[in-house]
Amino acid sequence: MNRHPLFYFALRRVTLCCLASLTSFSIVKAEPLKVAYSDWPGWVVLDIAAKKDWFKQEGLDVQLMWYDYAPSMDAFSTGKADAVCMTNGDALVTGSAGKPSVAIIITDYSSGNDMVVAKPGIESVKDLKGKKIGVELGLVDHLLLLNALESNGMKDSDVTLVNTPTNETPQVLGAGAVDAIAAWQPNSGQAMKTVPGSKPIYTSAQAPGLIYDLVYVSRENLEKRRADWAKFVKVWYRIVDYLEDPANLDEALKILAARDNVKPEEYEPFLKGTHILKLQEALQHWKKADGLASVYGSTKVVDDFNVKYGVYKQHVDFQGYLDASLTTEFAQTAGAKAASK
């Protein structure tokens, strides 16, 4: 055995370096959960958790990434985001284009915020025959418009669809380039402000459950970081419980209105047109069944629509896009049971 003092000095330095490396390795932070979201009330409420540090309190580093809606899905599809907030129909569209995902939270369903808004003189959906309608083709309010036409005995060939980014629909209606638009809040509301006398002639309140809004995660990231996404679900239901308390309404509206740069009283109707699901409601909508009361039944309807109208060519295995397990697991926790009382 080498007893030379320099040997022991060198050995000690090597040992300390190894220990330092191990310590540094052990405290390396995980990458943040990158969540792309956009201007929909059921998703803007994520700002509440960020503002109040609720993610940090759960030991989560969450990076909320703000986009317009279509670019948010592009960010997810290109790997810039681990998760994205989108509708059940649009998740199938992004999946058919090569980026399948899996929903872990049903945030809400639209109950009036998605609208077909027509200029003065057009009183009903049937009055749209032969008219031009501005809508972002392939996205959720294209579906709403097609549903409106079909439920009134009409076809898409009875109207002229003008492909318009949703956030530009108010300007297009205001310029007189179209006779009506299909858009969600706040765009639909802005359109009515821009064109005095314009009004909604069909809304998502007439087809509750047609448009579900969810948080979708990449399948690879969910498998790798399931425990972190379980914490994300926990924070989500903390937001829901907070919103359920009338005492929090004024504070909540201030946070949400700041995102859209409007007054809190102007934002309140947007929130009312979004049916954010309480935990027990979400569990009911997660149940597999036909019809719009189930997210499975709704997604089948959407898949049929998408194929029928050529949004994509072949039916999607939509059941693989839905996973209630993190919600049901959270529902079994003591915190969830206390909140549901």
Protein backbone atom coordinates (compact mmCIF):
# COMPACT_ATOMS: atom_id res chain seq x y z
CA MET A 1 0.00 0.00 0.00
CA ASN A 2 1.28 3.47 -0.91
CA ARG A 3 1.93 5.44 2.29
CA HIS A 4 3.42 8.55 0.60
CA PRO A 5 1.79 11.81 1.86
CA LEU A 6 1.26 13.07 -1.71
CA PHE A 7 -0.69 9.90 -2.48
CA TYR A 8 -3.13 10.55 0.38
CA PHE A 9 -3.47 14.21 -0.65
CA ALA A 10 -4.28 13.22 -4.21
CA LEU A 11 -6.69 10.53 -3.02
CA ARG A 12 -8.46 13.03 -0.79
CA ARG A 13 -8.85 15.50 -3.67
CA VAL A 14 -10.27 12.82 -5.94
CA THR A 15 -12.74 11.72 -3.25
CA LEU A 16 -13.91 15.28 -2.61
CA CYS A 17 -14.34 15.91 -6.32
CA CYS A 18 -16.42 12.75 -6.69
CA LEU A 19 -18.58 13.70 -3.74
CA ALA A 20 -19.05 17.18 -5.16
CA SER A 21 -20.06 15.73 -8.52
CA LEU A 22 -22.54 13.37 -6.89
CA THR A 23 -24.01 16.21 -4.85
CA SER A 24 -24.33 18.42 -7.91
CA PHE A 25 -26.01 15.59 -9.81
CA SER A 26 -28.47 14.99 -7.00
CA ILE A 27 -29.69 18.59 -6.93
CA VAL A 28 -30.06 19.09 -10.70
CA LYS A 29 -33.57 20.42 -11.24
CA ALA A 30 -35.98 18.67 -13.54
CA GLU A 31 -36.93 20.51 -16.69
CA PRO A 32 -40.06 22.66 -16.26
CA LEU A 33 -43.38 21.32 -17.44
CA LYS A 34 -43.99 23.45 -20.52
CA VAL A 35 -47.70 24.08 -21.04
CA ALA A 36 -48.95 26.01 -24.08
CA TYR A 37 -52.25 27.80 -23.53
CA SER A 38 -54.30 30.50 -25.22
CA ASP A 39 -57.13 32.96 -24.82
CA TRP A 40 -60.00 30.81 -23.58
CA PRO A 41 -61.47 31.45 -20.10
CA GLY A 42 -61.19 27.80 -19.08
CA TRP A 43 -57.44 27.97 -19.72
CA VAL A 44 -56.68 31.55 -18.71
CA VAL A 45 -57.60 30.46 -15.17
CA LEU A 46 -54.17 28.78 -15.07
CA ASP A 47 -52.88 32.31 -14.46
CA ILE A 48 -54.49 32.13 -11.01
CA ALA A 49 -52.24 29.23 -9.98
CA ALA A 50 -49.18 30.99 -11.40
CA LYS A 51 -50.04 34.25 -9.65
CA LYS A 52 -50.52 32.50 -6.31
CA ASP A 53 -47.47 30.19 -6.63
CA TRP A 54 -49.62 27.08 -6.29
CA PHE A 55 -47.46 25.13 -8.71
CA LYS A 56 -44.34 25.97 -6.71
CA GLN A 57 -46.09 24.92 -3.51
CA GLU A 58 -46.45 21.45 -5.02
CA GLY A 59 -42.77 21.39 -5.94
CA LEU A 60 -43.53 21.94 -9.62
CA ASP A 61 -41.73 24.18 -12.05
CA VAL A 62 -44.40 24.98 -14.63
CA GLN A 63 -43.72 27.24 -17.59
CA LEU A 64 -47.00 28.58 -18.96
CA MET A 65 -46.45 29.51 -22.61
CA TRP A 66 -48.92 32.06 -24.04
CA TYR A 67 -49.89 31.83 -27.72
CA ASP A 68 -52.77 32.42 -30.07
CA TYR A 69 -54.72 29.18 -30.32
CA ALA A 70 -53.42 27.68 -33.58
CA PRO A 71 -49.78 28.59 -32.78
CA SER A 72 -50.18 26.92 -29.36
CA MET A 73 -50.95 23.64 -31.11
CA ASP A 74 -48.04 24.21 -33.48
CA ALA A 75 -45.74 24.70 -30.48
CA PHE A 76 -46.92 21.38 -29.09
CA SER A 77 -46.64 19.58 -32.42
CA THR A 78 -43.05 20.77 -32.89
CA GLY A 79 -41.97 19.77 -29.38
CA LYS A 80 -41.65 23.27 -27.92
CA ALA A 81 -44.31 22.42 -25.33
CA ASP A 82 -44.94 19.26 -23.31
CA ALA A 83 -48.66 19.92 -23.10
CA VAL A 84 -51.28 22.11 -24.72
CA CYS A 85 -54.79 23.22 -23.93
CA MET A 86 -57.10 22.40 -26.83
CA THR A 87 -60.52 21.06 -27.69
CA ASN A 88 -61.22 17.37 -28.11
CA GLY A 89 -61.78 17.87 -31.84
CA ASP A 90 -58.59 19.81 -32.43
CA ALA A 91 -56.59 17.18 -30.54
CA LEU A 92 -57.69 14.67 -33.17
CA VAL A 93 -56.63 17.07 -35.93
CA THR A 94 -53.13 17.54 -34.47
CA GLY A 95 -52.91 13.81 -33.91
CA SER A 96 -53.87 12.98 -37.47
CA ALA A 97 -51.12 15.37 -38.59
CA GLY A 98 -48.53 13.36 -36.68
CA LYS A 99 -48.55 14.49 -33.04
CA PRO A 100 -50.94 12.36 -30.97
CA SER A 101 -51.55 13.35 -27.37
CA VAL A 102 -53.48 12.23 -24.33
CA ALA A 103 -55.91 14.32 -22.26
CA ILE A 104 -55.48 14.25 -18.49
CA ILE A 105 -57.92 17.00 -17.46
CA ILE A 106 -61.30 18.07 -18.80
CA THR A 107 -61.20 21.74 -17.95
CA ASP A 108 -64.65 22.73 -19.18
CA TYR A 109 -67.14 22.63 -21.99
CA SER A 110 -68.28 25.66 -23.92
CA SER A 111 -71.73 26.83 -22.87
CA GLY A 112 -72.23 29.91 -25.01
CA ASN A 113 -68.81 31.47 -25.64
CA ASP A 114 -68.46 29.89 -29.10
CA MET A 115 -70.78 31.71 -31.47
CA VAL A 116 -71.91 32.25 -35.00
CA VAL A 117 -72.28 36.05 -35.12
CA ALA A 118 -74.17 37.61 -38.04
CA LYS A 119 -74.44 41.17 -39.29
CA PRO A 120 -77.72 43.09 -38.93
CA GLY A 121 -80.51 41.71 -41.08
CA ILE A 122 -79.57 38.07 -40.62
CA GLU A 123 -81.88 36.65 -37.98
CA SER A 124 -81.26 32.89 -38.13
CA VAL A 125 -78.93 30.18 -39.37
CA LYS A 126 -81.24 29.58 -42.33
CA ASP A 127 -80.73 33.20 -43.37
CA LEU A 128 -77.06 32.35 -44.00
CA LYS A 129 -77.87 30.56 -47.26
CA GLY A 130 -75.77 32.05 -50.04
CA LYS A 131 -73.79 34.18 -47.56
CA LYS A 132 -70.08 34.43 -46.77
CA ILE A 133 -68.92 33.25 -43.35
CA GLY A 134 -65.49 33.90 -41.87
CA VAL A 135 -64.13 30.98 -39.86
CA GLU A 136 -60.76 29.35 -39.20
CA LEU A 137 -61.11 26.15 -41.20
CA GLY A 138 -60.33 22.91 -39.43
CA LEU A 139 -60.59 24.38 -35.94
CA VAL A 140 -63.28 24.13 -33.32
CA ASP A 141 -65.69 26.81 -34.54
CA HIS A 142 -65.64 25.33 -38.03
CA LEU A 143 -67.17 22.32 -36.27
CA LEU A 144 -69.70 24.54 -34.45
CA LEU A 145 -70.69 26.19 -37.74
CA LEU A 146 -71.12 22.86 -39.53
CA ASN A 147 -73.23 21.62 -36.63
CA ALA A 148 -75.36 24.77 -36.84
CA LEU A 149 -75.92 24.28 -40.56
CA GLU A 150 -76.66 20.57 -40.26
CA SER A 151 -79.11 21.06 -37.40
CA ASN A 152 -80.98 23.53 -39.63
CA GLY A 153 -81.16 21.20 -42.62
CA MET A 154 -78.32 22.90 -44.49
CA LYS A 155 -74.95 21.89 -45.92
CA ASP A 156 -71.62 23.65 -46.09
CA SER A 157 -72.20 24.00 -49.83
CA ASP A 158 -75.13 26.31 -49.03
CA VAL A 159 -72.68 28.97 -47.82
CA THR A 160 -69.24 30.29 -48.78
CA LEU A 161 -66.61 29.69 -46.12
CA VAL A 162 -63.84 32.28 -45.93
CA ASN A 163 -60.78 30.94 -44.09
CA THR A 164 -60.02 33.55 -41.43
CA PRO A 165 -57.74 33.40 -38.35
CA THR A 166 -60.05 33.53 -35.36
CA ASN A 167 -58.43 36.61 -33.87
CA GLU A 168 -59.08 38.46 -37.16
CA THR A 169 -62.79 37.62 -37.42
CA PRO A 170 -63.95 40.89 -35.78
CA GLN A 171 -62.05 42.97 -38.33
CA VAL A 172 -63.30 40.88 -41.26
CA LEU A 173 -66.92 41.24 -40.16
CA GLY A 174 -66.39 44.94 -39.50
CA ALA A 175 -64.93 45.47 -42.98
CA GLY A 176 -67.98 43.87 -44.59
CA ALA A 177 -65.90 41.15 -46.23
CA VAL A 178 -68.22 38.49 -44.77
CA ASP A 179 -71.82 38.35 -43.60
CA ALA A 180 -71.14 36.33 -40.45
CA ILE A 181 -68.29 34.84 -38.48
CA ALA A 182 -67.80 31.83 -36.23
CA ALA A 183 -65.50 32.51 -33.28
CA TRP A 184 -65.03 32.10 -29.55
CA GLN A 185 -64.81 34.74 -26.85
CA PRO A 186 -63.33 37.28 -26.62
CA ASN A 187 -63.28 37.42 -30.45
CA SER A 188 -67.02 36.85 -30.86
CA GLY A 189 -67.76 39.60 -28.34
CA GLN A 190 -65.36 41.97 -30.05
CA ALA A 191 -67.10 41.29 -33.36
CA MET A 192 -70.42 42.39 -31.87
CA LYS A 193 -68.80 45.57 -30.54
CA THR A 194 -67.24 46.26 -33.94
CA VAL A 195 -70.51 45.86 -35.87
CA PRO A 196 -73.43 47.52 -34.06
CA GLY A 197 -76.59 45.45 -34.36
CA SER A 198 -74.75 42.20 -35.05
CA LYS A 199 -75.76 39.29 -32.84
CA PRO A 200 -75.25 35.58 -32.20
CA ILE A 201 -77.60 33.37 -34.20
CA TYR A 202 -76.16 30.09 -32.89
CA THR A 203 -73.96 29.34 -29.87
CA SER A 204 -72.38 26.41 -28.09
CA ALA A 205 -75.13 26.71 -25.47
CA GLN A 206 -77.36 25.06 -28.07
CA ALA A 207 -75.01 22.08 -28.31
CA PRO A 208 -73.58 21.56 -24.80
CA GLY A 209 -70.82 18.98 -24.84
CA LEU A 210 -70.05 19.42 -28.53
CA ILE A 211 -66.92 21.34 -27.56
CA TYR A 212 -64.93 19.98 -24.62
CA ASP A 213 -61.75 21.76 -23.56
CA LEU A 214 -58.91 19.73 -22.09
CA VAL A 215 -55.25 19.65 -21.15
CA TYR A 216 -53.41 17.30 -23.50
CA VAL A 217 -49.91 15.98 -22.76
CA SER A 218 -47.45 14.33 -25.11
CA ARG A 219 -47.58 10.60 -24.56
CA GLU A 220 -43.81 10.39 -24.05
CA ASN A 221 -43.78 13.14 -21.42
CA LEU A 222 -46.74 11.69 -19.54
CA GLU A 223 -45.04 8.32 -19.32
CA LYS A 224 -41.77 9.89 -18.14
CA ARG A 225 -43.21 12.39 -15.66
CA ARG A 226 -46.53 10.97 -14.57
CA ALA A 227 -45.96 11.91 -10.90
CA ASP A 228 -45.44 15.56 -11.86
CA TRP A 229 -48.58 15.59 -13.99
CA ALA A 230 -50.49 14.13 -11.03
CA LYS A 231 -49.42 17.22 -9.06
CA PHE A 232 -50.55 19.41 -11.94
CA VAL A 233 -54.01 17.80 -11.72
CA LYS A 234 -54.06 18.54 -7.99
CA VAL A 235 -53.32 22.21 -8.63
CA TRP A 236 -56.00 22.33 -11.33
CA TYR A 237 -58.67 21.30 -8.85
CA ARG A 238 -57.36 23.85 -6.38
CA ILE A 239 -58.13 26.45 -9.08
CA VAL A 240 -61.61 24.97 -9.57
CA ASP A 241 -62.34 25.05 -5.81
CA TYR A 242 -61.10 28.64 -5.64
CA LEU A 243 -63.45 29.68 -8.46
CA GLU A 244 -66.38 27.95 -6.79
CA ASP A 245 -66.15 30.29 -3.79
CA PRO A 246 -68.11 33.51 -4.54
CA ALA A 247 -65.81 35.37 -2.16
CA ASN A 248 -62.99 34.93 -4.69
CA LEU A 249 -64.85 36.21 -7.74
CA ASP A 250 -63.58 39.80 -7.68
CA GLU A 251 -59.96 38.74 -7.25
CA ALA A 252 -60.29 36.06 -9.93
CA LEU A 253 -61.80 38.48 -12.44
CA LYS A 254 -58.96 40.95 -11.86
CA ILE A 255 -56.39 38.26 -12.65
CA LEU A 256 -58.25 36.99 -15.72
CA ALA A 257 -59.14 40.43 -17.07
CA ALA A 258 -55.50 41.52 -16.86
CA ARG A 259 -54.60 38.85 -19.41
CA ASP A 260 -57.04 40.31 -21.96
CA ASN A 261 -56.47 43.92 -20.95
CA VAL A 262 -60.16 44.47 -20.24
CA LYS A 263 -62.08 45.54 -17.17
CA PRO A 264 -63.08 42.79 -14.70
CA GLU A 265 -66.77 43.44 -15.31
CA GLU A 266 -66.17 42.96 -19.04
CA TYR A 267 -64.52 39.60 -18.43
CA GLU A 268 -67.29 38.19 -16.24
CA PRO A 269 -69.58 37.16 -19.15
CA PHE A 270 -66.68 35.22 -20.72
CA LEU A 271 -66.33 33.20 -17.54
CA LYS A 272 -70.08 32.56 -17.38
CA GLY A 273 -70.06 31.23 -20.93
CA THR A 274 -67.55 28.57 -19.92
CA HIS A 275 -68.76 25.69 -17.79
CA ILE A 276 -65.66 24.85 -15.75
CA LEU A 277 -66.15 21.37 -14.39
CA LYS A 278 -66.05 20.61 -10.70
CA LEU A 279 -64.35 17.34 -9.81
CA GLN A 280 -67.54 15.31 -9.46
CA GLU A 281 -68.86 16.72 -12.74
CA ALA A 282 -65.62 15.86 -14.50
CA LEU A 283 -65.82 12.28 -13.25
CA GLN A 284 -69.29 11.99 -14.79
CA HIS A 285 -68.14 13.39 -18.15
CA TRP A 286 -65.15 11.00 -18.16
CA LYS A 287 -67.50 8.00 -18.19
CA LYS A 288 -67.58 6.12 -21.47
CA ALA A 289 -70.95 6.54 -23.16
CA ASP A 290 -72.56 7.69 -26.38
CA GLY A 291 -73.82 11.25 -26.71
CA LEU A 292 -72.44 14.65 -25.80
CA ALA A 293 -72.69 14.16 -22.02
CA SER A 294 -69.56 11.97 -22.25
CA VAL A 295 -66.25 13.24 -23.54
CA TYR A 296 -65.95 9.88 -25.30
CA GLY A 297 -69.32 10.24 -27.01
CA SER A 298 -68.56 13.85 -27.93
CA THR A 299 -65.17 12.95 -29.37
CA LYS A 300 -66.75 10.22 -31.50
CA VAL A 301 -69.19 12.80 -32.87
CA VAL A 302 -66.30 15.14 -33.63
CA ASP A 303 -64.29 12.38 -35.31
CA ASP A 304 -67.28 11.57 -37.54
CA PHE A 305 -67.63 15.26 -38.42
CA ASN A 306 -63.94 15.61 -39.24
CA VAL A 307 -63.98 12.66 -41.62
CA LYS A 308 -67.30 13.64 -43.19
CA TYR A 309 -66.11 17.15 -43.98
CA GLY A 310 -62.58 16.21 -45.01
CA VAL A 311 -60.66 17.72 -42.09
CA TYR A 312 -58.77 14.42 -42.21
CA LYS A 313 -59.38 11.30 -44.24
CA GLN A 314 -59.50 8.34 -41.84
CA HIS A 315 -61.13 7.85 -38.46
CA VAL A 316 -58.86 8.30 -35.46
CA ASP A 317 -58.60 5.86 -32.55
CA PHE A 318 -59.96 8.61 -30.33
CA GLN A 319 -60.14 6.53 -27.14
CA GLY A 320 -56.35 6.56 -26.99
CA TYR A 321 -56.50 10.35 -26.68
CA LEU A 322 -58.37 10.25 -23.37
CA ASP A 323 -57.05 9.13 -19.99
CA ALA A 324 -59.13 9.73 -16.84
CA SER A 325 -56.73 7.93 -14.52
CA LEU A 326 -55.01 10.97 -12.96
CA THR A 327 -58.37 12.58 -12.27
CA THR A 328 -59.82 9.41 -10.74
CA GLU A 329 -56.68 8.90 -8.64
CA PHE A 330 -56.87 12.47 -7.37
CA ALA A 331 -60.54 11.95 -6.52
CA GLN A 332 -59.49 9.23 -4.05
CA THR A 333 -57.22 11.55 -2.06
CA ALA A 334 -58.16 13.12 1.25
CA GLY A 335 -57.84 16.63 -0.19
CA ALA A 336 -60.23 15.90 -3.01
CA LYS A 337 -62.78 14.30 -0.68
CA ALA A 338 -62.65 17.31 1.63
CA ALA A 339 -63.13 19.73 -1.26
CA SER A 340 -66.14 17.83 -2.56
CA LYS A 341 -68.08 18.17 0.70
